């Protein structure tokens, strides 16, 4: 079932908790509003001149157990929107190399590429207030090449 399309650019497997191939039973929470926000963000990127053929997913739904094992279970981590099925961390990866594409056009993969994505998500929230939520910009590190977090928590949050 992981290959079942749930929208134009995403499959059910994109939202499953990562790193749990041997964990059963499997379940996933997935907000239809999140799917709308993701696809509208992609459409906005395309309107901005950035065609999107392939999306890389860092994290979709996270079980509470997984979320707790990933770090400090107190504070912000205890409130992770990923546990509610209305958050995703993703990047644009048209060339399929597992890294963010150079959306900014400066010849480098850097935080500016994630900012281009965040600008598109901001425009979606402006046009569709019912999809308001969190938008976080993450620069490249040794573990990943940068991404954005989007969610539909119902109120504006930025980081």
N, C-alpha and C. Protein backbone atom coordinates (compact mmCIF):
# COMPACT_ATOMS: atom_id res chain seq x y z
N UNK A 1 0.80 -1.20 0.00
CA UNK A 1 0.00 0.00 0.00
C UNK A 1 0.85 1.28 0.00
N UNK A 2 2.15 1.17 0.24
CA UNK A 2 2.98 2.36 0.33
C UNK A 2 3.05 3.12 -0.99
N UNK A 3 2.78 2.46 -2.10
CA UNK A 3 2.85 3.12 -3.41
C UNK A 3 1.53 3.74 -3.85
N UNK A 4 0.51 3.67 -3.01
CA UNK A 4 -0.79 4.25 -3.37
C UNK A 4 -0.66 5.77 -3.44
N UNK A 5 -1.00 6.36 -4.59
CA UNK A 5 -0.96 7.82 -4.68
C UNK A 5 -2.04 8.44 -3.79
N UNK A 6 -1.66 9.46 -3.03
CA UNK A 6 -2.64 10.19 -2.23
C UNK A 6 -2.83 11.61 -2.78
N UNK A 7 -1.96 12.02 -3.69
CA UNK A 7 -2.08 13.30 -4.40
C UNK A 7 -1.15 13.22 -5.62
N UNK A 8 -1.06 14.29 -6.34
CA UNK A 8 -0.25 14.30 -7.56
C UNK A 8 1.22 13.96 -7.30
N UNK A 9 1.80 14.49 -6.22
CA UNK A 9 3.23 14.34 -5.97
C UNK A 9 3.58 13.42 -4.81
N UNK A 10 2.59 12.86 -4.12
CA UNK A 10 2.88 12.08 -2.90
C UNK A 10 2.16 10.75 -2.90
N UNK A 11 2.82 9.77 -2.28
CA UNK A 11 2.20 8.46 -2.06
C UNK A 11 1.99 8.26 -0.57
N UNK A 12 1.22 7.26 -0.21
CA UNK A 12 0.97 6.96 1.19
C UNK A 12 2.28 6.71 1.93
N UNK A 13 3.22 6.04 1.28
CA UNK A 13 4.50 5.74 1.91
C UNK A 13 5.32 6.96 2.29
N UNK A 14 5.09 8.09 1.61
CA UNK A 14 5.80 9.31 1.95
C UNK A 14 5.46 9.80 3.36
N UNK A 15 4.33 9.37 3.88
CA UNK A 15 3.87 9.86 5.18
C UNK A 15 4.11 8.87 6.31
N UNK A 16 4.55 7.66 6.00
CA UNK A 16 4.82 6.67 7.04
C UNK A 16 6.03 7.08 7.87
N UNK A 17 6.00 6.72 9.14
CA UNK A 17 7.13 6.98 10.02
C UNK A 17 8.36 6.29 9.45
N UNK A 18 9.45 7.02 9.36
CA UNK A 18 10.69 6.49 8.77
C UNK A 18 11.40 5.53 9.73
N UNK A 19 12.19 4.64 9.16
CA UNK A 19 13.05 3.76 9.93
C UNK A 19 12.33 2.71 10.76
N UNK A 20 11.14 2.33 10.35
CA UNK A 20 10.40 1.35 11.14
C UNK A 20 9.91 0.19 10.28
N UNK A 21 10.79 -0.32 9.44
CA UNK A 21 10.41 -1.41 8.55
C UNK A 21 9.90 -2.63 9.30
N UNK A 22 10.43 -2.89 10.49
CA UNK A 22 10.04 -4.08 11.25
C UNK A 22 9.02 -3.80 12.34
N UNK A 23 8.47 -2.59 12.39
CA UNK A 23 7.50 -2.25 13.43
C UNK A 23 6.09 -2.50 12.90
N UNK A 24 5.32 -3.28 13.68
CA UNK A 24 3.93 -3.58 13.31
C UNK A 24 3.06 -3.41 14.53
N UNK A 25 1.83 -3.05 14.43
CA UNK A 25 1.16 -2.70 13.17
C UNK A 25 1.59 -1.33 12.70
N UNK A 26 1.40 -1.10 11.43
CA UNK A 26 1.70 0.20 10.85
C UNK A 26 0.41 1.01 10.79
N UNK A 27 0.55 2.28 11.09
CA UNK A 27 -0.57 3.19 10.89
C UNK A 27 -0.03 4.55 10.53
N UNK A 28 -0.88 5.35 9.93
CA UNK A 28 -0.49 6.69 9.51
C UNK A 28 -1.69 7.61 9.68
N UNK A 29 -1.43 8.81 10.14
CA UNK A 29 -2.44 9.87 10.16
C UNK A 29 -2.07 10.83 9.05
N UNK A 30 -3.06 11.27 8.30
CA UNK A 30 -2.79 12.15 7.18
C UNK A 30 -3.95 13.12 7.00
N UNK A 31 -3.68 14.37 7.23
CA UNK A 31 -4.69 15.42 7.10
C UNK A 31 -4.90 15.79 5.63
N UNK A 32 -6.14 15.78 5.16
CA UNK A 32 -6.40 16.25 3.79
C UNK A 32 -5.99 17.71 3.60
N UNK A 33 -6.08 18.53 4.64
CA UNK A 33 -5.64 19.92 4.53
C UNK A 33 -4.15 20.00 4.26
N UNK A 34 -3.37 19.10 4.86
CA UNK A 34 -1.93 19.08 4.59
C UNK A 34 -1.67 18.76 3.13
N UNK A 35 -2.38 17.76 2.60
CA UNK A 35 -2.20 17.44 1.17
C UNK A 35 -2.52 18.65 0.30
N UNK A 36 -3.59 19.35 0.63
CA UNK A 36 -3.94 20.55 -0.13
C UNK A 36 -2.81 21.57 -0.06
N UNK A 37 -2.30 21.83 1.14
CA UNK A 37 -1.25 22.84 1.30
C UNK A 37 0.02 22.43 0.55
N UNK A 38 0.38 21.16 0.60
CA UNK A 38 1.58 20.69 -0.10
C UNK A 38 1.43 20.88 -1.61
N UNK A 39 0.31 20.41 -2.16
CA UNK A 39 0.12 20.51 -3.61
C UNK A 39 -0.02 21.96 -4.06
N UNK A 40 -0.69 22.79 -3.28
CA UNK A 40 -0.80 24.21 -3.62
C UNK A 40 0.56 24.90 -3.54
N UNK A 41 1.40 24.49 -2.60
CA UNK A 41 2.75 25.05 -2.51
C UNK A 41 3.55 24.67 -3.75
N UNK A 42 3.42 23.45 -4.20
CA UNK A 42 4.10 23.01 -5.42
C UNK A 42 3.59 23.80 -6.63
N UNK A 43 2.26 23.98 -6.71
CA UNK A 43 1.71 24.77 -7.82
C UNK A 43 2.24 26.20 -7.78
N UNK A 44 2.37 26.77 -6.58
CA UNK A 44 2.89 28.13 -6.46
C UNK A 44 4.36 28.17 -6.88
N UNK A 45 5.14 27.18 -6.51
CA UNK A 45 6.54 27.12 -6.97
C UNK A 45 6.59 27.12 -8.49
N UNK A 46 5.71 26.35 -9.11
CA UNK A 46 5.70 26.30 -10.57
C UNK A 46 5.30 27.65 -11.16
N UNK A 47 4.35 28.35 -10.54
CA UNK A 47 3.99 29.70 -10.99
C UNK A 47 5.17 30.66 -10.86
N UNK A 48 6.02 30.41 -9.89
CA UNK A 48 7.20 31.24 -9.65
C UNK A 48 8.36 30.87 -10.58
N UNK A 49 8.14 29.89 -11.47
CA UNK A 49 9.16 29.50 -12.43
C UNK A 49 10.02 28.32 -12.03
N UNK A 50 9.56 27.53 -11.06
CA UNK A 50 10.32 26.37 -10.58
C UNK A 50 9.50 25.10 -10.82
N UNK A 51 9.65 24.48 -11.99
CA UNK A 51 8.91 23.23 -12.24
C UNK A 51 9.24 22.18 -11.18
N UNK A 52 8.26 21.42 -10.81
CA UNK A 52 8.45 20.39 -9.79
C UNK A 52 8.03 19.05 -10.37
N UNK A 53 9.01 18.17 -10.51
CA UNK A 53 8.74 16.81 -10.98
C UNK A 53 8.95 15.79 -9.88
N UNK A 54 9.84 16.08 -8.95
CA UNK A 54 10.17 15.11 -7.91
C UNK A 54 10.33 15.83 -6.57
N UNK A 55 9.76 15.24 -5.55
CA UNK A 55 9.82 15.80 -4.20
C UNK A 55 10.54 14.81 -3.30
N UNK A 56 11.46 15.31 -2.50
CA UNK A 56 12.13 14.49 -1.49
C UNK A 56 11.46 14.71 -0.15
N UNK A 57 11.24 13.63 0.57
CA UNK A 57 10.55 13.71 1.86
C UNK A 57 11.53 13.36 2.98
N UNK A 58 11.64 14.27 3.94
CA UNK A 58 12.43 14.01 5.14
C UNK A 58 11.57 13.29 6.16
N UNK A 59 10.38 13.83 6.42
CA UNK A 59 9.52 13.25 7.46
C UNK A 59 8.07 13.68 7.25
N UNK A 60 7.18 12.71 7.34
CA UNK A 60 5.75 12.97 7.32
C UNK A 60 5.19 12.68 8.71
N UNK A 61 4.29 11.72 8.78
CA UNK A 61 3.72 11.32 10.07
C UNK A 61 4.80 10.67 10.93
N UNK A 62 4.78 10.99 12.21
CA UNK A 62 5.66 10.33 13.18
C UNK A 62 4.80 9.81 14.32
N UNK A 63 4.97 8.54 14.65
CA UNK A 63 4.27 8.03 15.82
C UNK A 63 4.81 8.73 17.06
N UNK A 64 4.00 8.85 18.10
CA UNK A 64 4.52 9.45 19.33
C UNK A 64 5.76 8.73 19.86
N UNK A 65 5.80 7.41 19.73
CA UNK A 65 6.96 6.65 20.20
C UNK A 65 8.21 7.02 19.40
N UNK A 66 8.07 7.13 18.10
CA UNK A 66 9.20 7.51 17.26
C UNK A 66 9.64 8.94 17.58
N UNK A 67 8.69 9.82 17.71
CA UNK A 67 9.02 11.22 17.98
C UNK A 67 9.76 11.36 19.31
N UNK A 68 9.35 10.58 20.29
CA UNK A 68 9.99 10.63 21.60
C UNK A 68 11.42 10.08 21.54
N UNK A 69 11.63 9.06 20.71
CA UNK A 69 12.96 8.45 20.63
C UNK A 69 13.93 9.31 19.84
N UNK A 70 13.43 10.31 19.11
CA UNK A 70 14.29 11.14 18.28
C UNK A 70 14.91 12.30 19.01
N UNK A 71 14.76 12.38 20.32
CA UNK A 71 15.35 13.49 21.04
C UNK A 71 14.60 13.78 22.32
N UNK A 72 14.67 14.97 22.78
CA UNK A 72 14.05 15.40 24.03
C UNK A 72 12.53 15.38 23.89
N UNK A 73 11.82 14.53 24.65
CA UNK A 73 10.37 14.44 24.51
C UNK A 73 9.61 15.56 25.21
N UNK A 74 10.30 16.48 25.83
CA UNK A 74 9.64 17.60 26.49
C UNK A 74 9.61 18.80 25.56
N UNK A 75 8.98 19.86 25.99
CA UNK A 75 8.99 21.11 25.24
C UNK A 75 8.39 20.97 23.86
N UNK A 76 9.05 21.62 22.87
CA UNK A 76 8.52 21.69 21.51
C UNK A 76 8.32 20.31 20.89
N UNK A 77 9.22 19.37 21.17
CA UNK A 77 9.12 18.03 20.60
C UNK A 77 7.85 17.31 21.00
N UNK A 78 7.36 17.60 22.20
CA UNK A 78 6.13 16.97 22.67
C UNK A 78 4.91 17.48 21.91
N UNK A 79 5.05 18.58 21.23
CA UNK A 79 3.94 19.18 20.50
C UNK A 79 4.06 19.02 18.99
N UNK A 80 4.97 18.19 18.54
CA UNK A 80 5.24 18.04 17.11
C UNK A 80 3.97 17.79 16.31
N UNK A 81 3.76 18.61 15.30
CA UNK A 81 2.59 18.45 14.43
C UNK A 81 2.70 17.18 13.60
N UNK A 82 3.89 16.63 13.46
CA UNK A 82 4.04 15.37 12.74
C UNK A 82 3.22 14.26 13.39
N UNK A 83 3.05 14.31 14.70
CA UNK A 83 2.29 13.27 15.40
C UNK A 83 0.79 13.37 15.13
N UNK A 84 0.34 14.49 14.56
CA UNK A 84 -1.07 14.70 14.27
C UNK A 84 -1.40 14.51 12.79
N UNK A 85 -0.39 14.18 12.01
CA UNK A 85 -0.61 13.92 10.59
C UNK A 85 -0.85 15.16 9.76
N UNK A 86 -0.48 16.33 10.31
CA UNK A 86 -0.69 17.55 9.53
C UNK A 86 0.62 18.31 9.30
N UNK A 87 1.74 17.58 9.20
CA UNK A 87 3.04 18.22 8.97
C UNK A 87 3.91 17.35 8.07
N UNK A 88 4.74 18.03 7.29
CA UNK A 88 5.72 17.33 6.46
C UNK A 88 6.96 18.19 6.33
N UNK A 89 8.12 17.54 6.31
CA UNK A 89 9.40 18.16 5.99
C UNK A 89 9.78 17.64 4.61
N UNK A 90 10.01 18.56 3.66
CA UNK A 90 10.28 18.10 2.30
C UNK A 90 11.15 19.10 1.55
N UNK A 91 11.62 18.68 0.39
CA UNK A 91 12.45 19.51 -0.48
C UNK A 91 12.18 19.14 -1.93
N UNK A 92 12.58 20.01 -2.83
CA UNK A 92 12.41 19.76 -4.26
C UNK A 92 13.68 19.09 -4.78
N UNK A 93 13.49 17.94 -5.46
CA UNK A 93 14.61 17.12 -5.93
C UNK A 93 14.33 16.62 -7.34
N UNK A 94 14.23 17.51 -8.30
CA UNK A 94 13.89 17.12 -9.66
C UNK A 94 14.91 16.19 -10.30
N UNK A 95 16.19 16.35 -9.94
CA UNK A 95 17.21 15.50 -10.56
C UNK A 95 17.38 14.17 -9.85
N UNK A 96 16.64 13.94 -8.76
CA UNK A 96 16.64 12.65 -8.09
C UNK A 96 17.92 12.29 -7.37
N UNK A 97 18.74 13.29 -7.01
CA UNK A 97 20.00 12.98 -6.34
C UNK A 97 19.89 12.94 -4.82
N UNK A 98 18.67 13.10 -4.29
CA UNK A 98 18.46 13.05 -2.84
C UNK A 98 18.83 14.35 -2.14
N UNK A 99 19.03 15.41 -2.91
CA UNK A 99 19.41 16.71 -2.34
C UNK A 99 18.48 17.79 -2.89
N UNK A 100 18.34 18.85 -2.11
CA UNK A 100 17.57 20.01 -2.55
C UNK A 100 18.13 20.54 -3.85
N UNK A 101 17.27 20.95 -4.76
CA UNK A 101 17.72 21.59 -6.00
C UNK A 101 18.06 23.05 -5.74
N UNK A 102 18.82 23.63 -6.65
CA UNK A 102 19.20 25.05 -6.56
C UNK A 102 18.04 25.90 -7.08
N UNK A 103 17.05 26.11 -6.24
CA UNK A 103 15.88 26.91 -6.61
C UNK A 103 16.19 28.39 -6.66
N UNK A 104 17.11 28.83 -5.84
CA UNK A 104 17.46 30.23 -5.76
C UNK A 104 18.24 30.70 -6.99
N UNK A 105 18.95 29.76 -7.63
CA UNK A 105 19.69 30.08 -8.84
C UNK A 105 21.04 30.72 -8.61
N UNK A 106 21.59 30.53 -7.40
CA UNK A 106 22.91 31.12 -7.12
C UNK A 106 24.05 30.13 -7.33
N UNK A 107 23.74 28.94 -7.89
CA UNK A 107 24.79 27.97 -8.17
C UNK A 107 25.19 27.12 -6.98
N UNK A 108 24.50 27.29 -5.85
CA UNK A 108 24.82 26.54 -4.63
C UNK A 108 23.53 25.96 -4.04
N UNK A 109 23.69 24.93 -3.25
CA UNK A 109 22.59 24.43 -2.43
C UNK A 109 22.79 25.06 -1.06
N UNK A 110 21.89 25.96 -0.69
CA UNK A 110 22.02 26.65 0.59
C UNK A 110 20.63 26.99 1.13
N UNK A 111 20.60 27.71 2.22
CA UNK A 111 19.34 28.04 2.88
C UNK A 111 18.41 28.86 1.98
N UNK A 112 18.96 29.55 1.00
CA UNK A 112 18.13 30.34 0.10
C UNK A 112 17.17 29.49 -0.71
N UNK A 113 17.53 28.25 -0.98
CA UNK A 113 16.65 27.35 -1.72
C UNK A 113 15.41 27.01 -0.89
N UNK A 114 15.61 26.75 0.39
CA UNK A 114 14.49 26.50 1.28
C UNK A 114 13.64 27.76 1.44
N UNK A 115 14.27 28.91 1.42
CA UNK A 115 13.52 30.17 1.52
C UNK A 115 12.61 30.38 0.31
N UNK A 116 13.04 29.95 -0.87
CA UNK A 116 12.18 30.02 -2.06
C UNK A 116 10.93 29.18 -1.82
N UNK A 117 11.11 27.97 -1.28
CA UNK A 117 9.97 27.11 -0.99
C UNK A 117 9.06 27.74 0.06
N UNK A 118 9.66 28.32 1.09
CA UNK A 118 8.86 28.95 2.15
C UNK A 118 8.05 30.12 1.60
N UNK A 119 8.63 30.86 0.69
CA UNK A 119 7.90 31.98 0.07
C UNK A 119 6.65 31.47 -0.65
N UNK A 120 6.78 30.35 -1.32
CA UNK A 120 5.62 29.75 -2.00
C UNK A 120 4.56 29.32 -0.98
N UNK A 121 4.99 28.69 0.12
CA UNK A 121 4.04 28.27 1.16
C UNK A 121 3.36 29.48 1.81
N UNK A 122 4.10 30.56 1.99
CA UNK A 122 3.53 31.80 2.53
C UNK A 122 2.42 32.32 1.62
N UNK A 123 2.65 32.29 0.32
CA UNK A 123 1.64 32.76 -0.62
C UNK A 123 0.40 31.87 -0.56
N UNK A 124 0.59 30.58 -0.40
CA UNK A 124 -0.56 29.67 -0.27
C UNK A 124 -1.39 30.05 0.96
N UNK A 125 -0.73 30.31 2.07
CA UNK A 125 -1.46 30.70 3.28
C UNK A 125 -2.18 32.04 3.09
N UNK A 126 -1.56 32.94 2.35
CA UNK A 126 -2.21 34.23 2.10
C UNK A 126 -3.50 34.04 1.30
N UNK A 127 -3.43 33.17 0.30
CA UNK A 127 -4.59 32.94 -0.57
C UNK A 127 -5.61 32.00 0.04
N UNK A 128 -5.17 31.11 0.93
CA UNK A 128 -6.06 30.10 1.53
C UNK A 128 -5.89 30.12 3.05
N UNK A 129 -6.51 31.07 3.72
CA UNK A 129 -6.31 31.23 5.17
C UNK A 129 -6.66 29.98 6.00
N UNK A 130 -7.51 29.12 5.49
CA UNK A 130 -7.85 27.90 6.23
C UNK A 130 -6.68 26.92 6.30
N UNK A 131 -5.64 27.17 5.52
CA UNK A 131 -4.46 26.30 5.52
C UNK A 131 -3.31 26.88 6.33
N UNK A 132 -3.57 27.92 7.11
CA UNK A 132 -2.52 28.56 7.88
C UNK A 132 -1.90 27.56 8.87
N UNK A 133 -0.62 27.75 9.13
CA UNK A 133 0.08 26.86 10.05
C UNK A 133 1.54 27.23 10.15
N UNK A 134 2.35 26.22 10.38
CA UNK A 134 3.77 26.43 10.54
C UNK A 134 4.52 26.34 9.23
N UNK A 135 5.55 27.17 9.12
CA UNK A 135 6.51 27.10 8.02
C UNK A 135 7.88 27.29 8.64
N UNK A 136 8.70 26.27 8.53
CA UNK A 136 10.06 26.33 9.06
C UNK A 136 11.07 26.14 7.95
N UNK A 137 12.14 26.92 7.99
CA UNK A 137 13.20 26.85 6.99
C UNK A 137 14.42 26.21 7.65
N UNK A 138 14.93 25.15 7.02
CA UNK A 138 16.09 24.42 7.55
C UNK A 138 17.22 24.46 6.53
N UNK A 139 18.38 24.97 6.94
CA UNK A 139 19.52 25.03 6.03
C UNK A 139 20.18 23.66 5.88
N UNK A 140 21.03 23.52 4.88
CA UNK A 140 21.77 22.27 4.73
C UNK A 140 22.66 21.99 5.95
N UNK A 141 22.75 20.71 6.29
CA UNK A 141 23.66 20.23 7.33
C UNK A 141 24.31 18.96 6.79
N UNK A 142 25.08 18.30 7.60
CA UNK A 142 25.68 17.03 7.18
C UNK A 142 24.65 15.94 6.94
N UNK A 143 23.48 16.06 7.58
CA UNK A 143 22.46 15.03 7.49
C UNK A 143 21.52 15.22 6.30
N UNK A 144 21.37 16.44 5.82
CA UNK A 144 20.44 16.71 4.72
C UNK A 144 20.86 17.99 4.00
N UNK A 145 20.23 18.22 2.86
CA UNK A 145 20.64 19.37 2.04
C UNK A 145 19.66 20.53 2.14
N UNK A 146 18.98 20.66 3.24
CA UNK A 146 18.02 21.73 3.43
C UNK A 146 16.62 21.29 3.05
N UNK A 147 15.63 21.89 3.71
CA UNK A 147 14.24 21.54 3.46
C UNK A 147 13.36 22.58 4.15
N UNK A 148 12.04 22.45 3.91
CA UNK A 148 11.10 23.23 4.70
C UNK A 148 10.15 22.29 5.42
N UNK A 149 9.65 22.80 6.52
CA UNK A 149 8.57 22.15 7.27
C UNK A 149 7.31 22.94 6.96
N UNK A 150 6.22 22.26 6.66
CA UNK A 150 4.92 22.91 6.57
C UNK A 150 3.92 22.11 7.39
N UNK A 151 2.99 22.82 8.00
CA UNK A 151 1.90 22.15 8.71
C UNK A 151 0.65 23.01 8.63
N UNK A 152 -0.44 22.44 9.08
CA UNK A 152 -1.73 23.13 9.04
C UNK A 152 -2.33 23.19 10.45
N UNK A 153 -1.56 23.65 11.40
CA UNK A 153 -1.95 23.67 12.82
C UNK A 153 -3.11 24.62 13.12
N UNK A 154 -3.43 25.53 12.20
CA UNK A 154 -4.55 26.43 12.42
C UNK A 154 -4.17 27.82 12.89
N UNK A 155 -2.92 28.04 13.20
CA UNK A 155 -2.43 29.37 13.53
C UNK A 155 -1.00 29.51 12.99
N UNK A 156 -0.60 30.74 12.77
CA UNK A 156 0.68 31.03 12.16
C UNK A 156 1.85 30.76 13.12
N UNK A 157 2.85 30.04 12.65
CA UNK A 157 4.09 29.80 13.39
C UNK A 157 5.23 29.81 12.37
N UNK A 158 6.33 30.48 12.70
CA UNK A 158 7.48 30.57 11.80
C UNK A 158 8.77 30.33 12.55
N UNK A 159 9.69 29.68 11.88
CA UNK A 159 11.05 29.50 12.41
C UNK A 159 11.99 29.22 11.27
